[in-house]
Amino acid sequence: MIAPIRIIVAEDLDVLREHFCELIDREEDLNVIGQASAGKEVLKLIAELGAPDLILMDIEMEMRHDGIITAQKVLELHPQTRIVFLTVHEDDETVFSAFETGAVDYVLKTSSSEAIIQSIRSAHEGNVQVRPEFAYKIKNEFSRIRRNQESLLNSTLILSQMTPSELVILDLLLRDMKLTEIAKERQVELSTIKSQINVILKKFNKKRTKEVTTMLRELNVIPFIQKVRGGP
């Protein structure tokens, strides 16, 4: 006879924790070996009982992302343990933080009993789930990364073709200097600075300097600008 899957249920709300335990204990191939209401209790149970096959764990317990922090600690010592997160959150940051730990699944607490039990069995087999409600988040993240890569490549190409004077002005703009301050720094007329900035805007296909500086900061290319212009 195959031994049942050993499970720890971690949920800070008593009524929900009892509910999930009841769901699991109805199944012959599943066995709750311990309950916890906080991450530190999960670690204590593991020290006492040994690593479980799987932890069904709430992300938010006694502190923000308690479940995520606990999962990281557990998987460092027991990489064979499967983690299935239970949560009410669907925001992108929480979703990606959860999967970055090495968790196998991420299930909403409002999911059906069948979905939760299926998730446990599937996770125990090592099957990583990409549920429809989260698939679009992953797709959007890949799209964002690709857009940033394309923007970084394009911006780097533009920067490499800029004149030393334009690079200096761009560097000063990134230091939040005003046009009058830049003109004084460069010892030229204000009209000259405005003319050079218009050329910079055309190269980046932007209408305002704020758009250019914001984009360059997000792409983290300021060190590249300083290196190319030979400044600190």
Protein backbone atom coordinates (compact mmCIF):
# COMPACT_ATOMS: atom_id res chain seq x y z
CA MET A 1 0.00 0.00 0.00
CA ILE A 2 1.33 3.45 -0.94
CA ALA A 3 1.92 5.71 2.07
CA PRO A 4 -0.32 8.79 2.18
CA ILE A 5 1.09 12.20 1.32
CA ARG A 6 2.25 13.86 4.56
CA ILE A 7 0.96 17.44 4.74
CA ILE A 8 1.34 20.44 7.02
CA VAL A 9 -1.44 23.02 6.81
CA ALA A 10 -0.39 26.57 7.66
CA GLU A 11 -3.18 29.17 7.92
CA ASP A 12 -3.61 31.86 10.58
CA LEU A 13 -7.43 31.84 10.59
CA ASP A 14 -8.62 28.92 12.71
CA VAL A 15 -11.84 28.34 10.80
CA LEU A 16 -10.06 28.19 7.43
CA ARG A 17 -7.26 26.02 8.76
CA GLU A 18 -9.80 23.53 10.13
CA HIS A 19 -11.69 23.64 6.83
CA PHE A 20 -8.60 22.78 4.79
CA CYS A 21 -7.62 20.03 7.23
CA GLU A 22 -11.07 18.47 6.97
CA LEU A 23 -10.89 18.53 3.17
CA ILE A 24 -7.54 16.77 3.21
CA ASP A 25 -8.39 14.17 5.84
CA ARG A 26 -11.39 13.00 3.80
CA GLU A 27 -8.96 11.65 1.21
CA GLU A 28 -7.35 8.26 1.83
CA ASP A 29 -4.11 9.20 0.09
CA LEU A 30 -3.64 12.42 2.06
CA ASN A 31 -2.73 12.90 5.72
CA VAL A 32 -2.42 16.09 7.79
CA ILE A 33 0.54 15.59 10.13
CA GLY A 34 0.55 19.07 11.60
CA GLN A 35 -1.14 22.47 11.72
CA ALA A 36 0.40 25.93 12.04
CA SER A 37 -0.85 29.49 12.26
CA ALA A 38 2.49 31.19 11.50
CA GLY A 39 5.72 30.57 9.64
CA LYS A 40 7.74 29.99 12.81
CA GLU A 41 5.29 27.25 13.82
CA VAL A 42 5.84 25.54 10.46
CA LEU A 43 9.60 25.47 11.08
CA LYS A 44 9.04 24.15 14.60
CA LEU A 45 6.79 21.35 13.32
CA ILE A 46 9.38 20.34 10.73
CA ALA A 47 12.06 20.21 13.42
CA GLU A 48 9.82 17.95 15.51
CA LEU A 49 8.19 15.76 12.84
CA GLY A 50 10.65 15.91 9.99
CA ALA A 51 10.08 17.43 6.58
CA PRO A 52 6.57 16.82 5.20
CA ASP A 53 5.89 15.83 1.60
CA LEU A 54 3.91 19.03 1.10
CA ILE A 55 2.95 22.26 2.86
CA LEU A 56 -0.36 23.94 2.12
CA MET A 57 0.51 27.44 3.26
CA ASP A 58 -1.12 30.84 3.49
CA ILE A 59 1.06 33.65 2.13
CA GLU A 60 -0.05 36.26 4.68
CA MET A 61 0.02 35.02 8.27
CA GLU A 62 1.46 36.87 11.27
CA MET A 63 3.30 39.28 8.98
CA ARG A 64 3.33 40.27 5.31
CA HIS A 65 4.59 37.47 3.06
CA ASP A 66 5.21 35.25 6.09
CA GLY A 67 4.44 32.19 3.96
CA ILE A 68 6.87 33.23 1.22
CA ILE A 69 9.67 33.84 3.72
CA THR A 70 8.95 30.51 5.39
CA ALA A 71 8.89 28.66 2.07
CA GLN A 72 12.34 30.00 1.24
CA LYS A 73 13.71 28.72 4.55
CA VAL A 74 12.04 25.33 4.20
CA LEU A 75 13.19 24.75 0.62
CA GLU A 76 16.79 25.69 1.46
CA LEU A 77 16.90 22.78 3.93
CA HIS A 78 14.34 20.44 2.35
CA PRO A 79 14.20 21.04 -1.42
CA GLN A 80 12.14 17.88 -1.90
CA THR A 81 9.19 19.37 0.02
CA ARG A 82 6.44 20.72 -2.22
CA ILE A 83 4.83 24.06 -1.45
CA VAL A 84 1.28 25.02 -2.43
CA PHE A 85 0.33 28.57 -1.47
CA LEU A 86 -3.17 29.51 -0.39
CA THR A 87 -4.07 33.18 -0.64
CA VAL A 88 -6.71 35.76 -1.41
CA HIS A 89 -4.22 37.90 -3.35
CA GLU A 90 -3.87 38.03 -7.12
CA ASP A 91 -1.57 41.03 -7.53
CA ASP A 92 1.46 40.55 -9.78
CA GLU A 93 4.05 41.11 -7.06
CA THR A 94 2.57 38.42 -4.84
CA VAL A 95 2.21 35.92 -7.69
CA PHE A 96 5.82 36.26 -8.83
CA SER A 97 7.21 36.35 -5.29
CA ALA A 98 5.37 33.11 -4.56
CA PHE A 99 6.72 31.25 -7.58
CA GLU A 100 10.25 32.62 -7.07
CA THR A 101 10.49 30.60 -3.85
CA GLY A 102 10.23 27.37 -5.81
CA ALA A 103 6.58 26.78 -4.95
CA VAL A 104 4.73 24.35 -7.18
CA ASP A 105 1.27 25.92 -7.11
CA TYR A 106 -0.67 28.98 -6.02
CA VAL A 107 -4.37 28.53 -5.22
CA LEU A 108 -6.98 31.05 -4.21
CA LYS A 109 -8.73 30.31 -0.94
CA THR A 110 -12.01 30.68 -2.79
CA SER A 111 -11.12 27.76 -5.07
CA SER A 112 -13.35 24.70 -4.97
CA SER A 113 -12.54 21.79 -2.68
CA GLU A 114 -11.83 19.67 -5.75
CA ALA A 115 -9.37 22.24 -7.11
CA ILE A 116 -7.46 22.39 -3.82
CA ILE A 117 -7.21 18.61 -3.50
CA GLN A 118 -6.17 18.28 -7.14
CA SER A 119 -3.52 20.92 -6.60
CA ILE A 120 -2.07 18.97 -3.68
CA ARG A 121 -1.87 15.73 -5.66
CA SER A 122 -0.47 17.41 -8.73
CA ALA A 123 2.10 19.37 -6.70
CA HIS A 124 3.23 16.20 -4.95
CA GLU A 125 4.01 14.76 -8.37
CA GLY A 126 6.07 17.86 -9.13
CA ASN A 127 3.73 19.36 -11.71
CA VAL A 128 3.99 23.15 -11.76
CA GLN A 129 0.59 24.66 -12.45
CA VAL A 130 -0.06 27.80 -14.51
CA ARG A 131 -3.71 28.48 -13.83
CA PRO A 132 -5.81 30.55 -16.25
CA GLU A 133 -6.31 33.33 -13.69
CA PHE A 134 -2.52 33.75 -13.43
CA ALA A 135 -1.43 32.90 -16.96
CA TYR A 136 -2.10 36.41 -18.24
CA LYS A 137 0.12 37.84 -15.48
CA ILE A 138 3.02 35.70 -16.64
CA LYS A 139 2.36 36.63 -20.25
CA ASN A 140 2.29 40.32 -19.33
CA GLU A 141 5.54 40.00 -17.43
CA PHE A 142 7.29 38.38 -20.40
CA SER A 143 5.91 41.14 -22.63
CA ARG A 144 7.20 43.79 -20.24
CA ILE A 145 10.66 42.19 -20.15
CA ARG A 146 10.76 42.02 -23.93
CA ARG A 147 9.69 45.65 -24.28
CA ASN A 148 12.39 46.69 -21.83
CA GLN A 149 15.02 44.70 -23.72
CA GLU A 150 14.04 46.34 -27.00
CA SER A 151 13.96 49.77 -25.38
CA LEU A 152 17.36 49.18 -23.76
CA LEU A 153 18.90 48.12 -27.06
CA ASN A 154 17.41 51.10 -28.89
CA SER A 155 18.45 53.58 -26.18
CA THR A 156 21.99 52.19 -26.04
CA LEU A 157 22.29 52.56 -29.81
CA ILE A 158 21.08 56.18 -29.65
CA LEU A 159 23.45 56.99 -26.78
CA SER A 160 26.43 55.50 -28.60
CA GLN A 161 25.77 57.83 -31.54
CA MET A 162 25.32 61.02 -29.53
CA THR A 163 27.93 63.77 -29.50
CA PRO A 164 30.05 64.37 -26.38
CA SER A 165 28.21 67.66 -25.82
CA GLU A 166 24.80 65.95 -25.99
CA LEU A 167 25.93 63.30 -23.53
CA VAL A 168 27.08 65.95 -21.08
CA ILE A 169 23.72 67.74 -21.32
CA LEU A 170 21.86 64.45 -20.87
CA ASP A 171 23.98 63.66 -17.84
CA LEU A 172 23.18 67.07 -16.33
CA LEU A 173 19.47 66.56 -17.01
CA LEU A 174 19.68 63.27 -15.17
CA ARG A 175 21.16 65.18 -12.25
CA ASP A 176 17.89 67.20 -12.23
CA MET A 177 19.59 70.44 -13.25
CA LYS A 178 17.43 73.17 -14.78
CA LEU A 179 18.13 74.54 -18.25
CA THR A 180 19.46 77.80 -16.85
CA GLU A 181 21.81 75.86 -14.58
CA ILE A 182 22.98 73.71 -17.49
CA ALA A 183 23.64 76.81 -19.61
CA LYS A 184 25.69 78.28 -16.78
CA GLU A 185 27.54 75.00 -16.27
CA ARG A 186 28.30 74.76 -19.99
CA GLN A 187 29.06 78.49 -20.26
CA VAL A 188 26.79 78.92 -23.30
CA GLU A 189 23.59 80.78 -24.11
CA LEU A 190 20.28 79.31 -22.93
CA SER A 191 19.10 79.20 -26.57
CA THR A 192 22.03 76.92 -27.41
CA ILE A 193 21.05 74.46 -24.66
CA LYS A 194 17.42 74.50 -25.81
CA SER A 195 18.52 73.79 -29.37
CA GLN A 196 20.69 70.86 -28.27
CA ILE A 197 17.90 69.46 -26.11
CA ASN A 198 15.50 69.58 -29.07
CA VAL A 199 17.99 67.47 -31.02
CA ILE A 200 18.17 64.99 -28.12
CA LEU A 201 14.38 64.75 -27.95
CA LYS A 202 14.17 64.05 -31.68
CA LYS A 203 16.75 61.27 -31.39
CA PHE A 204 14.72 59.59 -28.65
CA ASN A 205 11.43 60.44 -30.36
CA LYS A 206 10.13 62.11 -27.19
CA LYS A 207 8.39 65.42 -26.58
CA ARG A 208 9.70 66.25 -23.11
CA THR A 209 13.01 65.81 -21.31
CA LYS A 210 11.12 64.23 -18.40
CA GLU A 211 10.12 61.33 -20.66
CA VAL A 212 13.73 60.76 -21.67
CA THR A 213 15.20 60.92 -18.16
CA THR A 214 12.47 58.70 -16.71
CA MET A 215 13.03 56.07 -19.39
CA LEU A 216 16.82 56.11 -18.95
CA ARG A 217 16.52 55.78 -15.18
CA GLU A 218 14.14 52.82 -15.53
CA LEU A 219 16.55 51.16 -17.97
CA ASN A 220 19.46 51.85 -15.60
CA VAL A 221 21.75 53.19 -18.33
CA ILE A 222 23.10 56.16 -16.37
CA PRO A 223 26.44 54.35 -15.73
CA PHE A 224 26.70 53.77 -19.49
CA ILE A 225 26.18 57.50 -20.17
CA GLN A 226 28.84 58.44 -17.65
CA LYS A 227 31.25 55.88 -19.06
CA VAL A 228 30.78 57.03 -22.66
CA ARG A 229 31.22 60.71 -21.78
CA GLY A 230 34.19 59.88 -19.57
CA GLY A 231 32.77 61.39 -16.42
CA PRO A 232 32.21 60.09 -12.86
